[in-house]
Amino acid sequence: MIRKNLQRKVVGVLLAGAMLLCVQPNLAYAEESVGYVGEVKMQTESVSPMYVQSNRCRTYLNFSGRTVNCKVVIKGKNGTTKISGLLKLYDNTACRQVASWAVSESKSYYSGAKTATVKKGHSYKLSFSGKVYGKNNKSGEAISSSTSGKN
């Protein structure tokens, strides 16, 4: 009886020790992991979508007094047949939409600028969302871009 109890205790202590060895952190590996995480973070900070039909979609805000110049540039790849979408200007300070403009072009490149009246001291966001269509792409490829600025 005493021998069985002793055996159980020894087995229990051995199992507990084995579990502690398995769970103990490996500090050398942790240091390597931190370096790797930093490297991955640097790489992902500049991630941009990879489009099949379009090469570029960018928005620009240019303030001049009480006027803002809102520009969008969309460049489709070879074979692009149409570009369409909506360009919107938001006043983030007043939480409202200032203006919106429809974009439509039957070519592979679109560059357009619109102007709007803005208020001094307010923060604005310009966003574009639309689609780029290829020869065999009936539903189009969704594209988007946005930029922010303060007047």
N, C-alpha and C. Protein backbone atom coordinates (compact mmCIF):
# COMPACT_ATOMS: atom_id res chain seq x y z
N MET A 1 0.82 -1.18 0.00
CA MET A 1 0.00 0.00 0.00
C MET A 1 0.87 1.26 0.00
N ILE A 2 1.86 1.29 0.87
CA ILE A 2 2.75 2.44 0.95
C ILE A 2 3.56 2.56 -0.34
N ARG A 3 3.95 1.40 -0.86
CA ARG A 3 4.73 1.39 -2.09
C ARG A 3 3.92 1.98 -3.25
N LYS A 4 2.62 1.63 -3.37
CA LYS A 4 1.75 2.16 -4.43
C LYS A 4 1.59 3.67 -4.30
N ASN A 5 1.39 4.14 -3.07
CA ASN A 5 1.26 5.59 -2.85
C ASN A 5 2.55 6.32 -3.24
N LEU A 6 3.68 5.73 -2.89
CA LEU A 6 4.96 6.33 -3.23
C LEU A 6 5.15 6.35 -4.74
N GLN A 7 4.78 5.28 -5.40
CA GLN A 7 4.88 5.22 -6.86
C GLN A 7 4.00 6.29 -7.50
N ARG A 8 2.78 6.46 -7.01
CA ARG A 8 1.87 7.47 -7.56
C ARG A 8 2.46 8.87 -7.39
N LYS A 9 3.04 9.13 -6.21
CA LYS A 9 3.62 10.44 -5.95
C LYS A 9 4.81 10.70 -6.87
N VAL A 10 5.67 9.69 -7.04
CA VAL A 10 6.84 9.83 -7.90
C VAL A 10 6.40 10.08 -9.34
N VAL A 11 5.43 9.30 -9.81
CA VAL A 11 4.92 9.49 -11.17
C VAL A 11 4.31 10.89 -11.32
N GLY A 12 3.56 11.32 -10.32
CA GLY A 12 2.96 12.66 -10.37
C GLY A 12 3.99 13.75 -10.42
N VAL A 13 5.06 13.63 -9.61
CA VAL A 13 6.14 14.63 -9.60
C VAL A 13 6.87 14.62 -10.94
N LEU A 14 7.13 13.45 -11.50
CA LEU A 14 7.80 13.35 -12.79
C LEU A 14 6.95 13.99 -13.90
N LEU A 15 5.66 13.72 -13.89
CA LEU A 15 4.77 14.32 -14.89
C LEU A 15 4.72 15.85 -14.75
N ALA A 16 4.65 16.32 -13.52
CA ALA A 16 4.63 17.77 -13.28
C ALA A 16 5.93 18.39 -13.76
N GLY A 17 7.05 17.74 -13.50
CA GLY A 17 8.36 18.24 -13.96
C GLY A 17 8.44 18.27 -15.48
N ALA A 18 7.95 17.21 -16.12
CA ALA A 18 7.96 17.15 -17.59
C ALA A 18 7.10 18.26 -18.18
N MET A 19 5.96 18.51 -17.55
CA MET A 19 5.08 19.59 -18.05
C MET A 19 5.75 20.94 -17.89
N LEU A 20 6.43 21.18 -16.78
CA LEU A 20 7.13 22.45 -16.57
C LEU A 20 8.23 22.65 -17.61
N LEU A 21 8.94 21.59 -17.95
CA LEU A 21 9.99 21.71 -18.97
C LEU A 21 9.40 22.05 -20.33
N CYS A 22 8.25 21.48 -20.65
CA CYS A 22 7.60 21.74 -21.94
C CYS A 22 7.03 23.15 -22.02
N VAL A 23 6.56 23.68 -20.92
CA VAL A 23 5.90 24.98 -20.91
C VAL A 23 6.89 26.12 -20.74
N GLN A 24 8.07 25.87 -20.23
CA GLN A 24 9.06 26.92 -19.97
C GLN A 24 9.38 27.66 -21.26
N PRO A 25 9.34 29.00 -21.24
CA PRO A 25 9.61 29.76 -22.47
C PRO A 25 11.07 29.67 -22.88
N ASN A 26 11.28 29.68 -24.15
CA ASN A 26 12.63 29.68 -24.69
C ASN A 26 12.98 31.13 -24.98
N LEU A 27 13.81 31.75 -24.16
CA LEU A 27 14.11 33.18 -24.28
C LEU A 27 14.86 33.51 -25.57
N ALA A 28 15.73 32.64 -26.00
CA ALA A 28 16.47 32.89 -27.24
C ALA A 28 15.50 32.95 -28.41
N TYR A 29 14.54 32.03 -28.44
CA TYR A 29 13.56 32.03 -29.51
C TYR A 29 12.68 33.27 -29.43
N ALA A 30 12.35 33.70 -28.22
CA ALA A 30 11.50 34.88 -28.04
C ALA A 30 12.18 36.12 -28.62
N GLU A 31 13.50 36.27 -28.41
CA GLU A 31 14.21 37.42 -28.96
C GLU A 31 14.18 37.38 -30.48
N GLU A 32 14.38 36.22 -31.07
CA GLU A 32 14.33 36.09 -32.52
C GLU A 32 12.93 36.44 -33.03
N SER A 33 11.90 36.00 -32.31
CA SER A 33 10.52 36.26 -32.71
C SER A 33 10.21 37.74 -32.70
N VAL A 34 10.69 38.46 -31.69
CA VAL A 34 10.45 39.90 -31.60
C VAL A 34 11.08 40.60 -32.80
N GLY A 35 12.29 40.20 -33.17
CA GLY A 35 12.94 40.79 -34.34
C GLY A 35 12.16 40.50 -35.61
N TYR A 36 11.66 39.27 -35.72
CA TYR A 36 10.89 38.88 -36.89
C TYR A 36 9.58 39.65 -36.97
N VAL A 37 8.91 39.82 -35.82
CA VAL A 37 7.65 40.57 -35.79
C VAL A 37 7.88 42.00 -36.23
N GLY A 38 8.99 42.62 -35.78
CA GLY A 38 9.32 43.98 -36.20
C GLY A 38 9.54 44.06 -37.69
N GLU A 39 10.22 43.06 -38.25
CA GLU A 39 10.47 43.02 -39.68
C GLU A 39 9.17 42.87 -40.46
N VAL A 40 8.30 42.00 -40.01
CA VAL A 40 7.01 41.79 -40.67
C VAL A 40 6.18 43.07 -40.58
N LYS A 41 6.19 43.73 -39.42
CA LYS A 41 5.43 44.97 -39.26
C LYS A 41 5.91 46.02 -40.24
N MET A 42 7.24 46.15 -40.41
CA MET A 42 7.77 47.12 -41.36
C MET A 42 7.29 46.80 -42.77
N GLN A 43 7.27 45.54 -43.13
CA GLN A 43 6.86 45.15 -44.47
C GLN A 43 5.38 45.40 -44.70
N THR A 44 4.54 45.21 -43.69
CA THR A 44 3.10 45.35 -43.87
C THR A 44 2.62 46.79 -43.76
N GLU A 45 3.44 47.70 -43.27
CA GLU A 45 3.01 49.09 -43.18
C GLU A 45 2.83 49.71 -44.55
N SER A 46 3.49 49.18 -45.57
CA SER A 46 3.38 49.74 -46.90
C SER A 46 2.65 48.80 -47.86
N VAL A 47 1.70 48.05 -47.34
CA VAL A 47 0.95 47.12 -48.18
C VAL A 47 -0.08 47.88 -48.99
N SER A 48 -0.18 47.56 -50.26
CA SER A 48 -1.22 48.12 -51.11
C SER A 48 -1.87 46.98 -51.87
N PRO A 49 -3.12 47.16 -52.25
CA PRO A 49 -3.81 46.06 -52.93
C PRO A 49 -3.18 45.75 -54.28
N MET A 50 -3.26 44.50 -54.66
CA MET A 50 -2.76 44.09 -55.96
C MET A 50 -3.96 43.88 -56.87
N TYR A 51 -4.08 44.75 -57.84
CA TYR A 51 -5.21 44.69 -58.74
C TYR A 51 -4.87 43.88 -59.99
N VAL A 52 -5.89 43.27 -60.55
CA VAL A 52 -5.71 42.49 -61.77
C VAL A 52 -5.86 43.40 -62.98
N GLN A 53 -6.84 44.30 -62.95
CA GLN A 53 -7.16 45.12 -64.11
C GLN A 53 -6.58 46.53 -64.02
N SER A 54 -6.27 47.04 -62.83
CA SER A 54 -5.78 48.41 -62.73
C SER A 54 -4.39 48.46 -62.13
N ASN A 55 -3.64 49.48 -62.53
CA ASN A 55 -2.29 49.69 -62.02
C ASN A 55 -2.27 50.67 -60.86
N ARG A 56 -3.11 51.70 -60.93
CA ARG A 56 -3.03 52.76 -59.94
C ARG A 56 -4.38 53.42 -59.73
N CYS A 57 -4.62 53.77 -58.48
CA CYS A 57 -5.80 54.55 -58.12
C CYS A 57 -5.38 55.46 -56.97
N ARG A 58 -5.29 56.76 -57.22
CA ARG A 58 -4.82 57.69 -56.19
C ARG A 58 -5.71 58.93 -56.13
N THR A 59 -5.86 59.45 -54.93
CA THR A 59 -6.62 60.68 -54.71
C THR A 59 -5.70 61.74 -54.12
N TYR A 60 -5.98 63.01 -54.45
CA TYR A 60 -5.16 64.12 -53.98
C TYR A 60 -6.06 65.28 -53.53
N LEU A 61 -5.66 65.93 -52.44
CA LEU A 61 -6.34 67.13 -51.94
C LEU A 61 -5.35 68.29 -51.97
N ASN A 62 -5.77 69.43 -52.51
CA ASN A 62 -4.93 70.62 -52.57
C ASN A 62 -5.73 71.82 -52.10
N PHE A 63 -5.40 72.39 -50.95
CA PHE A 63 -6.14 73.52 -50.39
C PHE A 63 -5.53 74.84 -50.83
N SER A 64 -6.41 75.79 -51.15
CA SER A 64 -5.98 77.14 -51.49
C SER A 64 -7.05 78.10 -50.96
N GLY A 65 -6.79 78.65 -49.77
CA GLY A 65 -7.77 79.54 -49.15
C GLY A 65 -9.01 78.77 -48.77
N ARG A 66 -10.15 79.19 -49.31
CA ARG A 66 -11.42 78.51 -49.01
C ARG A 66 -11.84 77.55 -50.11
N THR A 67 -10.90 77.20 -50.97
CA THR A 67 -11.19 76.27 -52.08
C THR A 67 -10.27 75.06 -51.97
N VAL A 68 -10.82 73.90 -52.30
CA VAL A 68 -10.02 72.69 -52.34
C VAL A 68 -10.11 72.09 -53.74
N ASN A 69 -8.98 71.64 -54.23
CA ASN A 69 -8.91 70.95 -55.51
C ASN A 69 -8.86 69.46 -55.21
N CYS A 70 -9.84 68.72 -55.66
CA CYS A 70 -9.96 67.28 -55.42
C CYS A 70 -9.61 66.55 -56.71
N LYS A 71 -8.59 65.72 -56.68
CA LYS A 71 -8.14 65.05 -57.90
C LYS A 71 -8.08 63.55 -57.69
N VAL A 72 -8.45 62.81 -58.73
CA VAL A 72 -8.32 61.36 -58.73
C VAL A 72 -7.63 60.95 -60.03
N VAL A 73 -6.70 59.99 -59.90
CA VAL A 73 -5.98 59.45 -61.05
C VAL A 73 -6.13 57.94 -61.00
N ILE A 74 -6.67 57.38 -62.09
CA ILE A 74 -6.86 55.94 -62.19
C ILE A 74 -6.22 55.47 -63.48
N LYS A 75 -5.34 54.49 -63.36
CA LYS A 75 -4.67 53.96 -64.53
C LYS A 75 -4.94 52.47 -64.61
N GLY A 76 -5.62 52.06 -65.66
CA GLY A 76 -5.90 50.65 -65.87
C GLY A 76 -4.79 49.98 -66.65
N LYS A 77 -4.74 48.66 -66.57
CA LYS A 77 -3.75 47.90 -67.33
C LYS A 77 -4.20 47.79 -68.78
N ASN A 78 -3.33 47.28 -69.62
CA ASN A 78 -3.69 47.06 -71.02
C ASN A 78 -4.93 46.19 -71.09
N GLY A 79 -5.87 46.58 -71.91
CA GLY A 79 -7.11 45.83 -72.04
C GLY A 79 -8.25 46.43 -71.24
N THR A 80 -7.98 47.46 -70.44
CA THR A 80 -9.05 48.12 -69.69
C THR A 80 -9.96 48.84 -70.67
N THR A 81 -11.26 48.63 -70.52
CA THR A 81 -12.22 49.23 -71.44
C THR A 81 -13.05 50.35 -70.81
N LYS A 82 -13.16 50.35 -69.48
CA LYS A 82 -14.00 51.36 -68.84
C LYS A 82 -13.59 51.55 -67.39
N ILE A 83 -13.72 52.80 -66.93
CA ILE A 83 -13.48 53.15 -65.52
C ILE A 83 -14.69 53.93 -65.05
N SER A 84 -15.25 53.56 -63.91
CA SER A 84 -16.39 54.31 -63.37
C SER A 84 -16.35 54.28 -61.85
N GLY A 85 -17.01 55.27 -61.25
CA GLY A 85 -17.05 55.30 -59.79
C GLY A 85 -17.57 56.62 -59.27
N LEU A 86 -17.34 56.84 -57.98
CA LEU A 86 -17.84 58.04 -57.31
C LEU A 86 -16.73 58.63 -56.45
N LEU A 87 -16.49 59.93 -56.63
CA LEU A 87 -15.51 60.68 -55.86
C LEU A 87 -16.28 61.50 -54.84
N LYS A 88 -15.94 61.35 -53.55
CA LYS A 88 -16.67 62.04 -52.48
C LYS A 88 -15.72 62.84 -51.60
N LEU A 89 -16.18 64.04 -51.22
CA LEU A 89 -15.43 64.89 -50.30
C LEU A 89 -16.22 65.01 -49.01
N TYR A 90 -15.58 64.65 -47.88
CA TYR A 90 -16.21 64.70 -46.56
C TYR A 90 -15.54 65.76 -45.70
N ASP A 91 -16.34 66.46 -44.93
CA ASP A 91 -15.84 67.37 -43.90
C ASP A 91 -15.85 66.57 -42.60
N ASN A 92 -14.67 66.11 -42.17
CA ASN A 92 -14.57 65.28 -40.96
C ASN A 92 -14.90 66.08 -39.70
N THR A 93 -14.60 67.38 -39.71
CA THR A 93 -14.86 68.22 -38.55
C THR A 93 -16.36 68.39 -38.33
N ALA A 94 -17.10 68.64 -39.41
CA ALA A 94 -18.55 68.84 -39.33
C ALA A 94 -19.34 67.54 -39.50
N CYS A 95 -18.64 66.45 -39.77
CA CYS A 95 -19.27 65.13 -39.96
C CYS A 95 -20.35 65.17 -41.05
N ARG A 96 -19.97 65.66 -42.21
CA ARG A 96 -20.94 65.71 -43.32
C ARG A 96 -20.22 65.60 -44.66
N GLN A 97 -20.97 65.19 -45.66
CA GLN A 97 -20.44 65.12 -47.02
C GLN A 97 -20.56 66.50 -47.65
N VAL A 98 -19.49 66.98 -48.26
CA VAL A 98 -19.47 68.30 -48.88
C VAL A 98 -19.93 68.21 -50.33
N ALA A 99 -19.38 67.23 -51.06
CA ALA A 99 -19.71 67.10 -52.49
C ALA A 99 -19.41 65.69 -52.96
N SER A 100 -20.00 65.33 -54.09
CA SER A 100 -19.67 64.06 -54.74
C SER A 100 -19.77 64.24 -56.25
N TRP A 101 -18.93 63.53 -56.96
CA TRP A 101 -18.89 63.62 -58.42
C TRP A 101 -18.80 62.22 -59.02
N ALA A 102 -19.57 61.99 -60.06
CA ALA A 102 -19.53 60.71 -60.77
C ALA A 102 -18.33 60.71 -61.71
N VAL A 103 -17.68 59.58 -61.82
CA VAL A 103 -16.52 59.41 -62.71
C VAL A 103 -16.87 58.31 -63.70
N SER A 104 -16.67 58.60 -64.98
CA SER A 104 -16.91 57.60 -66.01
C SER A 104 -16.01 57.89 -67.21
N GLU A 105 -15.29 56.88 -67.63
CA GLU A 105 -14.36 57.03 -68.76
C GLU A 105 -14.31 55.71 -69.52
N SER A 106 -14.40 55.78 -70.85
CA SER A 106 -14.34 54.57 -71.68
C SER A 106 -12.93 54.35 -72.21
N LYS A 107 -11.96 54.54 -71.35
CA LYS A 107 -10.55 54.33 -71.70
C LYS A 107 -9.86 53.65 -70.54
N SER A 108 -8.56 53.45 -70.65
CA SER A 108 -7.81 52.80 -69.58
C SER A 108 -7.17 53.79 -68.62
N TYR A 109 -7.42 55.10 -68.81
CA TYR A 109 -6.82 56.12 -67.95
C TYR A 109 -7.83 57.22 -67.66
N TYR A 110 -7.92 57.61 -66.39
CA TYR A 110 -8.77 58.73 -66.02
C TYR A 110 -8.02 59.63 -65.05
N SER A 111 -8.03 60.91 -65.34
CA SER A 111 -7.47 61.90 -64.43
C SER A 111 -8.43 63.07 -64.45
N GLY A 112 -9.01 63.37 -63.30
CA GLY A 112 -9.97 64.47 -63.24
C GLY A 112 -9.85 65.22 -61.93
N ALA A 113 -10.14 66.52 -62.01
CA ALA A 113 -10.08 67.36 -60.81
C ALA A 113 -11.37 68.15 -60.69
N LYS A 114 -11.84 68.28 -59.47
CA LYS A 114 -13.04 69.05 -59.15
C LYS A 114 -12.70 69.99 -58.01
N THR A 115 -13.46 71.07 -57.89
CA THR A 115 -13.22 72.01 -56.80
C THR A 115 -14.46 72.12 -55.93
N ALA A 116 -14.23 72.50 -54.68
CA ALA A 116 -15.32 72.70 -53.73
C ALA A 116 -14.91 73.79 -52.75
N THR A 117 -15.90 74.42 -52.16
CA THR A 117 -15.65 75.44 -51.14
C THR A 117 -15.53 74.75 -49.78
N VAL A 118 -14.50 75.14 -49.03
CA VAL A 118 -14.24 74.53 -47.72
C VAL A 118 -14.08 75.61 -46.65
N LYS A 119 -14.06 75.17 -45.40
CA LYS A 119 -13.91 76.09 -44.27
C LYS A 119 -12.51 75.97 -43.69
N LYS A 120 -11.98 77.09 -43.25
CA LYS A 120 -10.66 77.12 -42.60
C LYS A 120 -10.71 76.35 -41.28
N GLY A 121 -9.65 75.62 -40.97
CA GLY A 121 -9.55 74.89 -39.72
C GLY A 121 -10.24 73.55 -39.70
N HIS A 122 -10.91 73.19 -40.80
CA HIS A 122 -11.61 71.91 -40.85
C HIS A 122 -10.72 70.85 -41.49
N SER A 123 -10.98 69.60 -41.12
CA SER A 123 -10.27 68.45 -41.66
C SER A 123 -11.16 67.77 -42.70
N TYR A 124 -10.57 67.38 -43.83
CA TYR A 124 -11.34 66.82 -44.94
C TYR A 124 -10.77 65.47 -45.38
N LYS A 125 -11.66 64.67 -45.97
CA LYS A 125 -11.27 63.38 -46.52
C LYS A 125 -11.85 63.27 -47.92
N LEU A 126 -11.00 62.89 -48.87
CA LEU A 126 -11.43 62.65 -50.24
C LEU A 126 -11.32 61.16 -50.50
N SER A 127 -12.41 60.56 -50.97
CA SER A 127 -12.38 59.12 -51.23
C SER A 127 -12.97 58.82 -52.61
N PHE A 128 -12.41 57.82 -53.23
CA PHE A 128 -12.93 57.32 -54.51
C PHE A 128 -13.19 55.84 -54.36
N SER A 129 -14.34 55.40 -54.85
CA SER A 129 -14.59 53.97 -54.96
C SER A 129 -15.30 53.74 -56.29
N GLY A 130 -14.83 52.73 -56.98
CA GLY A 130 -15.40 52.46 -58.29
C GLY A 130 -14.97 51.12 -58.83
N LYS A 131 -15.05 51.00 -60.15
CA LYS A 131 -14.70 49.74 -60.80
C LYS A 131 -13.92 50.01 -62.08
N VAL A 132 -13.06 49.06 -62.40
CA VAL A 132 -12.30 49.07 -63.65
C VAL A 132 -12.69 47.80 -64.40
N TYR A 133 -13.09 47.99 -65.64
CA TYR A 133 -13.58 46.87 -66.45
C TYR A 133 -12.57 46.50 -67.53
N GLY A 134 -12.36 45.20 -67.71
CA GLY A 134 -11.53 44.68 -68.79
C GLY A 134 -12.40 44.13 -69.91
N LYS A 135 -11.78 43.65 -70.95
CA LYS A 135 -12.51 43.12 -72.10
C LYS A 135 -13.49 42.01 -71.71
N ASN A 136 -13.04 41.07 -70.89
CA ASN A 136 -13.86 39.92 -70.52
C ASN A 136 -14.39 40.00 -69.10
N ASN A 137 -14.33 41.17 -68.49
CA ASN A 137 -14.73 41.32 -67.10
C ASN A 137 -16.05 42.07 -67.02
N LYS A 138 -17.15 41.35 -66.96
CA LYS A 138 -18.48 41.96 -66.97
C LYS A 138 -18.81 42.68 -65.67
N SER A 139 -18.35 42.15 -64.52
CA SER A 139 -18.70 42.75 -63.23
C SER A 139 -17.71 43.83 -62.80
N GLY A 140 -16.54 43.87 -63.38
CA GLY A 140 -15.55 44.88 -63.04
C GLY A 140 -14.77 44.54 -61.78
N GLU A 141 -13.65 45.19 -61.64
CA GLU A 141 -12.79 45.01 -60.47
C GLU A 141 -12.93 46.23 -59.57
N ALA A 142 -13.25 46.01 -58.32
CA ALA A 142 -13.44 47.12 -57.37
C ALA A 142 -12.10 47.76 -57.04
N ILE A 143 -12.07 49.10 -57.07
CA ILE A 143 -10.88 49.85 -56.70
C ILE A 143 -11.30 50.97 -55.76
N SER A 144 -10.37 51.42 -54.94
CA SER A 144 -10.67 52.52 -54.04
C SER A 144 -9.39 53.21 -53.61
N SER A 145 -9.56 54.46 -53.18
CA SER A 145 -8.44 55.24 -52.66
C SER A 145 -9.00 56.37 -51.83
N SER A 146 -8.26 56.82 -50.83
CA SER A 146 -8.68 57.98 -50.06
C SER A 146 -7.47 58.71 -49.51
N THR A 147 -7.67 59.98 -49.23
CA THR A 147 -6.62 60.81 -48.63
C THR A 147 -7.29 61.84 -47.74
N SER A 148 -6.55 62.32 -46.76
CA SER A 148 -7.08 63.30 -45.83
C SER A 148 -6.17 64.51 -45.77
N GLY A 149 -6.76 65.64 -45.38
CA GLY A 149 -5.98 66.86 -45.23
C GLY A 149 -6.74 67.89 -44.42
N LYS A 150 -6.01 68.92 -43.98
CA LYS A 150 -6.62 69.96 -43.17
C LYS A 150 -6.41 71.31 -43.83
N ASN A 151 -7.45 72.11 -43.84
CA ASN A 151 -7.38 73.45 -44.44
C ASN A 151 -6.97 74.46 -43.38
